[in-house]
N, C-alpha and C. Protein backbone atom coordinates (compact mmCIF):
# COMPACT_ATOMS: atom_id res chain seq x y z
N UNK A 1 90.18 79.20 91.96
CA UNK A 1 89.08 79.56 92.85
C UNK A 1 88.00 78.51 92.71
N UNK A 2 87.23 78.39 93.75
CA UNK A 2 86.18 77.39 93.78
C UNK A 2 84.84 78.04 94.12
N UNK A 3 83.83 77.78 93.30
CA UNK A 3 82.50 78.35 93.52
C UNK A 3 81.92 77.94 94.87
N UNK A 4 82.26 76.72 95.32
CA UNK A 4 81.70 76.24 96.59
C UNK A 4 82.30 76.96 97.80
N UNK A 5 83.32 77.78 97.60
CA UNK A 5 83.94 78.53 98.70
C UNK A 5 83.50 80.00 98.74
N UNK A 6 82.45 80.36 98.01
CA UNK A 6 82.01 81.76 97.95
C UNK A 6 81.73 82.31 99.35
N UNK A 7 81.10 81.56 100.21
CA UNK A 7 80.82 82.09 101.56
C UNK A 7 82.10 82.30 102.35
N UNK A 8 83.09 81.44 102.14
CA UNK A 8 84.39 81.62 102.79
C UNK A 8 85.08 82.87 102.23
N UNK A 9 85.05 83.03 100.91
CA UNK A 9 85.63 84.23 100.28
C UNK A 9 84.96 85.49 100.81
N UNK A 10 83.63 85.43 100.96
CA UNK A 10 82.88 86.58 101.46
C UNK A 10 83.32 86.92 102.89
N UNK A 11 83.51 85.92 103.71
CA UNK A 11 83.98 86.14 105.08
C UNK A 11 85.32 86.86 105.06
N UNK A 12 86.25 86.42 104.21
CA UNK A 12 87.57 87.06 104.13
C UNK A 12 87.46 88.47 103.59
N UNK A 13 86.68 88.65 102.51
CA UNK A 13 86.56 89.96 101.86
C UNK A 13 85.99 91.00 102.81
N UNK A 14 85.08 90.58 103.69
CA UNK A 14 84.44 91.52 104.61
C UNK A 14 85.11 91.57 105.98
N UNK A 15 86.24 90.92 106.12
CA UNK A 15 87.02 91.01 107.36
C UNK A 15 87.51 92.46 107.49
N UNK A 16 87.37 93.08 108.66
CA UNK A 16 87.78 94.49 108.81
C UNK A 16 89.24 94.75 108.43
N UNK A 17 90.13 93.82 108.67
CA UNK A 17 91.54 94.01 108.30
C UNK A 17 91.69 94.04 106.78
N UNK A 18 91.00 93.15 106.09
CA UNK A 18 91.04 93.11 104.63
C UNK A 18 90.40 94.38 104.05
N UNK A 19 89.27 94.77 104.61
CA UNK A 19 88.61 95.98 104.12
C UNK A 19 89.51 97.19 104.28
N UNK A 20 90.18 97.33 105.43
CA UNK A 20 91.09 98.46 105.64
C UNK A 20 92.24 98.40 104.63
N UNK A 21 92.80 97.20 104.43
CA UNK A 21 93.92 97.06 103.49
C UNK A 21 93.55 97.37 102.06
N UNK A 22 92.27 97.21 101.73
CA UNK A 22 91.79 97.54 100.39
C UNK A 22 91.17 98.93 100.30
N UNK A 23 91.20 99.66 101.42
CA UNK A 23 90.63 101.01 101.43
C UNK A 23 89.13 101.04 101.28
N UNK A 24 88.45 99.97 101.70
CA UNK A 24 87.00 99.88 101.56
C UNK A 24 86.33 100.17 102.89
N UNK A 25 85.21 100.87 102.85
CA UNK A 25 84.43 101.15 104.05
C UNK A 25 83.13 100.34 104.08
N UNK A 26 82.66 99.89 102.93
CA UNK A 26 81.40 99.15 102.83
C UNK A 26 81.67 97.68 102.54
N UNK A 27 80.95 96.78 103.21
CA UNK A 27 81.14 95.35 102.95
C UNK A 27 80.61 94.95 101.58
N UNK A 28 81.16 93.89 101.06
CA UNK A 28 80.72 93.29 99.80
C UNK A 28 79.48 92.45 100.07
N UNK A 29 78.54 92.42 99.12
CA UNK A 29 77.38 91.56 99.27
C UNK A 29 77.69 90.18 98.71
N UNK A 30 76.98 89.18 99.20
CA UNK A 30 77.19 87.82 98.71
C UNK A 30 76.87 87.74 97.22
N UNK A 31 75.81 88.42 96.80
CA UNK A 31 75.40 88.38 95.39
C UNK A 31 76.49 88.94 94.49
N UNK A 32 77.06 90.09 94.86
CA UNK A 32 78.13 90.68 94.05
C UNK A 32 79.36 89.80 94.02
N UNK A 33 79.74 89.24 95.17
CA UNK A 33 80.92 88.40 95.22
C UNK A 33 80.72 87.11 94.42
N UNK A 34 79.52 86.52 94.52
CA UNK A 34 79.23 85.30 93.76
C UNK A 34 79.28 85.58 92.27
N UNK A 35 78.70 86.69 91.84
CA UNK A 35 78.72 87.06 90.42
C UNK A 35 80.16 87.31 89.96
N UNK A 36 80.93 88.00 90.78
CA UNK A 36 82.33 88.25 90.45
C UNK A 36 83.15 86.97 90.38
N UNK A 37 82.86 86.03 91.28
CA UNK A 37 83.55 84.74 91.25
C UNK A 37 83.23 83.99 89.97
N UNK A 38 81.96 84.02 89.55
CA UNK A 38 81.57 83.36 88.30
C UNK A 38 82.31 83.97 87.11
N UNK A 39 82.42 85.29 87.08
CA UNK A 39 83.14 85.97 86.00
C UNK A 39 84.62 85.55 86.02
N UNK A 40 85.22 85.54 87.22
CA UNK A 40 86.63 85.15 87.32
C UNK A 40 86.85 83.71 86.85
N UNK A 41 85.96 82.82 87.25
CA UNK A 41 86.11 81.42 86.86
C UNK A 41 85.96 81.21 85.36
N UNK A 42 85.18 82.07 84.70
CA UNK A 42 84.96 81.94 83.26
C UNK A 42 86.04 82.63 82.44
N UNK A 43 86.85 83.47 83.05
CA UNK A 43 87.83 84.26 82.31
C UNK A 43 89.18 83.58 82.14
N UNK A 44 90.10 84.32 81.53
CA UNK A 44 91.43 83.79 81.22
C UNK A 44 92.49 84.16 82.25
N UNK A 45 92.12 84.93 83.25
CA UNK A 45 93.09 85.30 84.28
C UNK A 45 93.35 84.10 85.18
N UNK A 46 94.39 84.20 86.02
CA UNK A 46 94.72 83.12 86.95
C UNK A 46 94.23 83.49 88.34
N UNK A 47 93.48 82.59 88.95
CA UNK A 47 92.94 82.79 90.29
C UNK A 47 93.20 81.53 91.09
N UNK A 48 93.67 81.70 92.32
CA UNK A 48 94.01 80.56 93.16
C UNK A 48 93.39 80.71 94.54
N UNK A 49 93.01 79.60 95.12
CA UNK A 49 92.71 79.56 96.54
C UNK A 49 93.99 79.14 97.22
N UNK A 50 94.35 79.83 98.29
CA UNK A 50 95.58 79.54 99.03
C UNK A 50 95.22 78.63 100.20
N UNK A 51 95.99 77.56 100.36
CA UNK A 51 95.75 76.58 101.42
C UNK A 51 96.94 76.55 102.37
N UNK A 52 96.65 76.42 103.65
CA UNK A 52 97.69 76.17 104.65
C UNK A 52 97.77 74.66 104.77
N UNK A 53 98.83 74.07 104.25
CA UNK A 53 98.97 72.62 104.23
C UNK A 53 99.38 72.04 105.58
N UNK A 54 99.63 72.90 106.57
CA UNK A 54 99.97 72.41 107.90
C UNK A 54 98.75 72.27 108.79
N UNK A 55 97.57 72.72 108.30
CA UNK A 55 96.34 72.63 109.08
C UNK A 55 95.25 71.99 108.23
N UNK A 56 94.27 71.41 108.91
CA UNK A 56 93.23 70.64 108.24
C UNK A 56 91.89 71.35 108.33
N UNK A 57 91.17 71.36 107.21
CA UNK A 57 89.82 71.91 107.15
C UNK A 57 88.83 70.85 107.63
N UNK A 58 87.58 71.27 107.79
CA UNK A 58 86.52 70.36 108.25
C UNK A 58 86.35 69.15 107.34
N UNK A 59 86.64 69.32 106.03
CA UNK A 59 86.48 68.21 105.09
C UNK A 59 87.68 67.26 105.07
N UNK A 60 88.68 67.53 105.92
CA UNK A 60 89.87 66.68 105.99
C UNK A 60 91.01 67.10 105.09
N UNK A 61 90.76 68.05 104.18
CA UNK A 61 91.80 68.55 103.30
C UNK A 61 92.54 69.71 103.94
N UNK A 62 93.49 70.29 103.20
CA UNK A 62 94.21 71.45 103.74
C UNK A 62 93.26 72.63 103.94
N UNK A 63 93.59 73.48 104.90
CA UNK A 63 92.72 74.60 105.28
C UNK A 63 92.85 75.75 104.28
N UNK A 64 91.74 76.16 103.62
CA UNK A 64 91.81 77.35 102.76
C UNK A 64 91.96 78.60 103.63
N UNK A 65 92.88 79.50 103.25
CA UNK A 65 93.14 80.69 104.05
C UNK A 65 93.10 81.99 103.25
N UNK A 66 92.98 81.92 101.93
CA UNK A 66 92.96 83.14 101.14
C UNK A 66 92.90 82.87 99.66
N UNK A 67 93.05 83.94 98.89
CA UNK A 67 93.06 83.84 97.43
C UNK A 67 94.17 84.74 96.88
N UNK A 68 94.67 84.36 95.72
CA UNK A 68 95.54 85.23 94.94
C UNK A 68 94.99 85.25 93.51
N UNK A 69 95.24 86.35 92.82
CA UNK A 69 94.78 86.50 91.44
C UNK A 69 95.80 87.25 90.63
N UNK A 70 95.84 86.91 89.36
CA UNK A 70 96.65 87.64 88.39
C UNK A 70 95.72 88.11 87.27
N UNK A 71 95.58 89.41 87.13
CA UNK A 71 94.80 90.00 86.05
C UNK A 71 95.77 90.19 84.88
N UNK A 72 95.68 89.32 83.90
CA UNK A 72 96.72 89.18 82.87
C UNK A 72 96.42 90.03 81.65
N UNK A 73 97.47 90.66 81.13
CA UNK A 73 97.45 91.30 79.83
C UNK A 73 98.46 90.54 78.97
N UNK A 74 97.99 89.50 78.29
CA UNK A 74 98.89 88.65 77.49
C UNK A 74 99.56 89.42 76.37
N UNK A 75 98.91 90.45 75.86
CA UNK A 75 99.47 91.21 74.74
C UNK A 75 100.84 91.81 75.10
N UNK A 76 100.95 92.32 76.33
CA UNK A 76 102.23 92.92 76.74
C UNK A 76 102.99 92.03 77.73
N UNK A 77 102.40 90.89 78.11
CA UNK A 77 103.10 89.94 78.97
C UNK A 77 103.22 90.38 80.42
N UNK A 78 102.18 91.05 80.93
CA UNK A 78 102.20 91.52 82.32
C UNK A 78 100.92 91.10 83.03
N UNK A 79 100.92 91.26 84.35
CA UNK A 79 99.72 90.99 85.13
C UNK A 79 99.74 91.84 86.38
N UNK A 80 98.55 92.18 86.87
CA UNK A 80 98.43 92.84 88.17
C UNK A 80 98.11 91.76 89.20
N UNK A 81 98.77 91.83 90.36
CA UNK A 81 98.64 90.84 91.42
C UNK A 81 97.69 91.33 92.50
N UNK A 82 96.85 90.41 93.00
CA UNK A 82 95.94 90.70 94.10
C UNK A 82 95.98 89.54 95.09
N UNK A 83 95.83 89.84 96.36
CA UNK A 83 95.77 88.80 97.38
C UNK A 83 94.76 89.20 98.46
N UNK A 84 94.04 88.21 98.95
CA UNK A 84 93.18 88.36 100.12
C UNK A 84 93.56 87.21 101.04
N UNK A 85 93.89 87.53 102.26
CA UNK A 85 94.23 86.50 103.23
C UNK A 85 93.32 86.64 104.43
N UNK A 86 92.58 85.57 104.72
CA UNK A 86 91.68 85.57 105.86
C UNK A 86 92.44 85.55 107.18
N UNK A 87 91.72 85.80 108.24
CA UNK A 87 92.31 85.86 109.58
C UNK A 87 93.11 84.60 109.90
N UNK A 88 92.60 83.43 109.48
CA UNK A 88 93.27 82.17 109.80
C UNK A 88 94.61 82.01 109.08
N UNK A 89 94.88 82.86 108.10
CA UNK A 89 96.15 82.76 107.37
C UNK A 89 97.16 83.84 107.71
N UNK A 90 96.75 84.83 108.49
CA UNK A 90 97.66 85.93 108.79
C UNK A 90 98.60 85.58 109.94
N UNK A 91 99.79 86.20 109.92
CA UNK A 91 100.76 86.02 110.99
C UNK A 91 101.51 84.71 110.91
N UNK A 92 101.48 84.05 109.77
CA UNK A 92 102.13 82.75 109.61
C UNK A 92 103.09 82.72 108.42
N UNK A 93 103.42 83.91 107.87
CA UNK A 93 104.29 84.05 106.69
C UNK A 93 103.67 83.44 105.43
N UNK A 94 102.37 83.18 105.46
CA UNK A 94 101.73 82.59 104.29
C UNK A 94 101.53 83.58 103.16
N UNK A 95 101.36 84.86 103.48
CA UNK A 95 101.18 85.87 102.42
C UNK A 95 102.40 85.92 101.52
N UNK A 96 103.58 85.96 102.10
CA UNK A 96 104.80 86.00 101.30
C UNK A 96 104.96 84.73 100.49
N UNK A 97 104.68 83.59 101.09
CA UNK A 97 104.82 82.31 100.39
C UNK A 97 103.82 82.19 99.25
N UNK A 98 102.56 82.54 99.52
CA UNK A 98 101.55 82.46 98.47
C UNK A 98 101.86 83.44 97.34
N UNK A 99 102.37 84.62 97.70
CA UNK A 99 102.75 85.61 96.69
C UNK A 99 103.86 85.07 95.82
N UNK A 100 104.87 84.47 96.43
CA UNK A 100 105.98 83.91 95.66
C UNK A 100 105.49 82.80 94.72
N UNK A 101 104.65 81.91 95.22
CA UNK A 101 104.14 80.83 94.38
C UNK A 101 103.31 81.36 93.22
N UNK A 102 102.54 82.43 93.47
CA UNK A 102 101.75 83.03 92.40
C UNK A 102 102.66 83.71 91.39
N UNK A 103 103.72 84.36 91.86
CA UNK A 103 104.70 84.93 90.93
C UNK A 103 105.32 83.84 90.06
N UNK A 104 105.66 82.72 90.67
CA UNK A 104 106.23 81.61 89.90
C UNK A 104 105.24 81.13 88.84
N UNK A 105 103.97 81.03 89.21
CA UNK A 105 102.95 80.63 88.24
C UNK A 105 102.86 81.65 87.10
N UNK A 106 102.97 82.93 87.42
CA UNK A 106 102.92 83.98 86.40
C UNK A 106 104.08 83.82 85.41
N UNK A 107 105.26 83.61 85.94
CA UNK A 107 106.42 83.50 85.05
C UNK A 107 106.42 82.18 84.30
N UNK A 108 105.88 81.11 84.90
CA UNK A 108 105.72 79.84 84.19
C UNK A 108 104.69 80.00 83.06
N UNK A 109 103.74 80.91 83.23
CA UNK A 109 102.73 81.22 82.23
C UNK A 109 103.33 82.01 81.06
N UNK A 110 104.54 82.51 81.24
CA UNK A 110 105.22 83.27 80.19
C UNK A 110 105.17 84.77 80.36
N UNK A 111 104.68 85.25 81.50
CA UNK A 111 104.63 86.69 81.72
C UNK A 111 106.04 87.23 82.00
N UNK A 112 106.25 88.48 81.63
CA UNK A 112 107.55 89.14 81.83
C UNK A 112 107.60 89.96 83.10
N UNK A 113 106.43 90.43 83.57
CA UNK A 113 106.40 91.34 84.71
C UNK A 113 105.06 91.23 85.42
N UNK A 114 105.10 91.34 86.74
CA UNK A 114 103.88 91.37 87.56
C UNK A 114 103.98 92.60 88.43
N UNK A 115 102.88 93.32 88.59
CA UNK A 115 102.90 94.56 89.38
C UNK A 115 101.74 94.56 90.36
N UNK A 116 101.83 95.46 91.34
CA UNK A 116 100.76 95.62 92.32
C UNK A 116 100.79 97.03 92.87
N UNK A 117 99.69 97.40 93.53
CA UNK A 117 99.59 98.64 94.28
C UNK A 117 99.10 98.27 95.67
N UNK A 118 99.75 98.82 96.69
CA UNK A 118 99.39 98.52 98.07
C UNK A 118 99.37 99.84 98.85
N UNK A 119 98.38 100.03 99.70
CA UNK A 119 98.31 101.26 100.48
C UNK A 119 99.58 101.40 101.31
N UNK A 120 100.15 102.60 101.31
CA UNK A 120 101.46 102.79 101.93
C UNK A 120 101.46 102.54 103.44
N UNK A 121 100.31 102.60 104.08
CA UNK A 121 100.25 102.32 105.52
C UNK A 121 100.17 100.82 105.81
N UNK A 122 100.03 100.00 104.79
CA UNK A 122 99.94 98.56 104.97
C UNK A 122 101.34 97.95 104.96
N UNK A 123 102.12 98.28 105.97
CA UNK A 123 103.52 97.86 106.01
C UNK A 123 103.70 96.35 106.11
N UNK A 124 102.84 95.59 106.80
CA UNK A 124 103.03 94.14 106.77
C UNK A 124 102.93 93.57 105.36
N UNK A 125 101.99 94.07 104.56
CA UNK A 125 101.86 93.59 103.18
C UNK A 125 103.09 93.98 102.36
N UNK A 126 103.56 95.19 102.52
CA UNK A 126 104.74 95.63 101.77
C UNK A 126 105.94 94.75 102.09
N UNK A 127 106.12 94.42 103.37
CA UNK A 127 107.22 93.52 103.75
C UNK A 127 107.05 92.14 103.13
N UNK A 128 105.83 91.61 103.14
CA UNK A 128 105.59 90.29 102.57
C UNK A 128 105.87 90.28 101.07
N UNK A 129 105.43 91.33 100.37
CA UNK A 129 105.67 91.41 98.93
C UNK A 129 107.17 91.48 98.63
N UNK A 130 107.90 92.25 99.42
CA UNK A 130 109.34 92.35 99.21
C UNK A 130 110.02 91.01 99.47
N UNK A 131 109.60 90.31 100.51
CA UNK A 131 110.18 88.99 100.79
C UNK A 131 109.94 88.02 99.64
N UNK A 132 108.80 88.17 98.97
CA UNK A 132 108.44 87.26 97.87
C UNK A 132 109.16 87.60 96.58
N UNK A 133 109.74 88.80 96.47
CA UNK A 133 110.48 89.16 95.26
C UNK A 133 110.06 90.46 94.60
N UNK A 134 108.99 91.10 95.07
CA UNK A 134 108.59 92.38 94.50
C UNK A 134 109.58 93.48 94.90
N UNK A 135 109.76 94.44 94.00
CA UNK A 135 110.61 95.60 94.23
C UNK A 135 109.74 96.86 94.21
N UNK A 136 110.04 97.78 95.08
CA UNK A 136 109.32 99.06 95.12
C UNK A 136 109.75 99.90 93.92
N UNK A 137 108.75 100.45 93.20
CA UNK A 137 109.08 101.26 92.02
C UNK A 137 108.54 102.68 92.11
N UNK A 138 107.74 102.99 93.13
CA UNK A 138 107.24 104.35 93.26
C UNK A 138 106.05 104.44 94.21
N UNK A 139 105.50 105.65 94.28
CA UNK A 139 104.34 105.92 95.12
C UNK A 139 103.37 106.80 94.35
N UNK A 140 102.11 106.41 94.35
CA UNK A 140 101.04 107.29 93.86
C UNK A 140 100.52 108.01 95.07
N UNK A 141 100.61 109.32 95.06
CA UNK A 141 100.27 110.13 96.22
C UNK A 141 98.78 110.39 96.33
N UNK A 142 98.29 110.39 97.57
CA UNK A 142 96.91 110.80 97.92
C UNK A 142 95.86 110.13 97.04
N UNK A 143 95.97 108.82 96.83
CA UNK A 143 95.01 108.14 95.95
C UNK A 143 94.25 107.01 96.65
N UNK A 144 94.51 106.79 97.94
CA UNK A 144 93.84 105.70 98.64
C UNK A 144 93.30 106.14 99.97
N UNK A 145 92.61 105.21 100.64
CA UNK A 145 92.02 105.47 101.95
C UNK A 145 92.50 104.42 102.93
N UNK A 146 92.90 104.86 104.12
CA UNK A 146 93.27 103.96 105.22
C UNK A 146 92.58 104.48 106.47
N UNK A 147 91.66 103.71 107.00
CA UNK A 147 90.89 104.12 108.19
C UNK A 147 90.29 105.51 108.03
N UNK A 148 89.74 105.79 106.85
CA UNK A 148 89.06 107.05 106.61
C UNK A 148 89.96 108.23 106.31
N UNK A 149 91.27 108.00 106.20
CA UNK A 149 92.21 109.08 105.89
C UNK A 149 92.88 108.82 104.54
N UNK A 150 93.17 109.89 103.84
CA UNK A 150 93.83 109.79 102.55
C UNK A 150 95.27 109.31 102.75
N UNK A 151 95.70 108.42 101.88
CA UNK A 151 97.09 107.97 101.88
C UNK A 151 97.50 107.63 100.46
N UNK A 152 98.75 107.34 100.28
CA UNK A 152 99.27 106.97 98.98
C UNK A 152 99.29 105.47 98.79
N UNK A 153 99.62 105.07 97.56
CA UNK A 153 99.80 103.66 97.23
C UNK A 153 101.25 103.44 96.83
N UNK A 154 101.85 102.41 97.39
CA UNK A 154 103.19 102.00 96.97
C UNK A 154 103.01 101.10 95.75
N UNK A 155 103.76 101.39 94.71
CA UNK A 155 103.75 100.58 93.49
C UNK A 155 104.96 99.65 93.54
N UNK A 156 104.73 98.38 93.22
CA UNK A 156 105.80 97.38 93.24
C UNK A 156 105.68 96.52 91.99
N UNK A 157 106.82 95.96 91.55
CA UNK A 157 106.77 95.01 90.45
C UNK A 157 107.81 93.92 90.66
N UNK A 158 107.68 92.87 89.86
CA UNK A 158 108.63 91.76 89.91
C UNK A 158 108.82 91.25 88.49
N UNK A 159 110.04 90.85 88.21
CA UNK A 159 110.40 90.17 86.97
C UNK A 159 111.03 88.83 87.37
N UNK A 160 111.15 87.90 86.43
CA UNK A 160 111.64 86.57 86.81
C UNK A 160 112.95 86.56 87.61
N UNK A 161 113.88 87.43 87.28
CA UNK A 161 115.17 87.42 88.00
C UNK A 161 115.01 87.83 89.47
N UNK A 162 113.92 88.52 89.82
CA UNK A 162 113.70 88.92 91.21
C UNK A 162 113.44 87.72 92.12
N UNK A 163 112.91 86.63 91.56
CA UNK A 163 112.63 85.47 92.39
C UNK A 163 113.91 84.87 92.96
N UNK A 164 114.97 84.91 92.18
CA UNK A 164 116.25 84.37 92.66
C UNK A 164 116.80 85.19 93.81
N UNK A 165 116.41 86.44 93.91
CA UNK A 165 116.92 87.33 94.94
C UNK A 165 115.98 87.48 96.13
N UNK A 166 114.82 86.80 96.11
CA UNK A 166 113.88 86.93 97.23
C UNK A 166 114.44 86.22 98.45
N UNK A 167 113.89 86.55 99.61
CA UNK A 167 114.38 85.96 100.86
C UNK A 167 113.63 84.70 101.24
N UNK A 168 112.76 84.22 100.34
CA UNK A 168 112.01 82.98 100.59
C UNK A 168 112.63 81.85 99.81
N UNK A 169 112.62 80.68 100.38
CA UNK A 169 113.06 79.50 99.64
C UNK A 169 111.97 79.13 98.64
N UNK A 170 112.32 78.42 97.57
CA UNK A 170 111.30 78.05 96.59
C UNK A 170 110.20 77.17 97.17
N UNK A 171 110.51 76.29 98.12
CA UNK A 171 109.48 75.45 98.74
C UNK A 171 108.69 76.28 99.74
N UNK A 172 107.42 75.99 99.85
CA UNK A 172 106.59 76.76 100.78
C UNK A 172 105.52 75.86 101.37
N UNK A 173 105.02 76.21 102.53
CA UNK A 173 103.97 75.40 103.15
C UNK A 173 102.58 75.94 102.80
N UNK A 174 102.50 77.03 102.07
CA UNK A 174 101.23 77.50 101.54
C UNK A 174 101.25 77.21 100.07
N UNK A 175 100.15 76.75 99.54
CA UNK A 175 100.18 76.49 98.11
C UNK A 175 98.90 76.99 97.47
N UNK A 176 99.05 77.79 96.41
CA UNK A 176 97.85 78.17 95.67
C UNK A 176 97.53 77.05 94.69
N UNK A 177 96.24 76.75 94.52
CA UNK A 177 95.85 75.77 93.53
C UNK A 177 94.47 76.07 93.02
């Protein structure tokens, strides 16, 4: 993650599609997001900005389109996965590619398992996670919000052998860095 992209991260975080996918009704403030970014940058977890290498940003580099994060528990060798993809990154198969690359980084880091929770009505995300190598392991009932209605969360996890069985090739045009 990059501190100089806080305003871009804020734009993505407060995008109505992202807010719905996270079950949030209230937008994030710049101050809270900036403070959270500083904490993330100072910590031991892995955080990446996702770039679309097929498009160019105003500065001439690849276009930033989202973030991925791994909240790591080194003691047990696991991490929880998070992704935010801005409007400019959706509908291009970048979520699945960025997820796969982040999983690869997790397993290269020595983790044994990565898990996530996704609102059950967020079917595009569930499909992207499955394409990247995550497997569905259960549902937590009535624990989330989707457009103001109660819904469940699908629980998914991945282990290193799942990457070999994913439907994505190892090379990708989105890269977290």
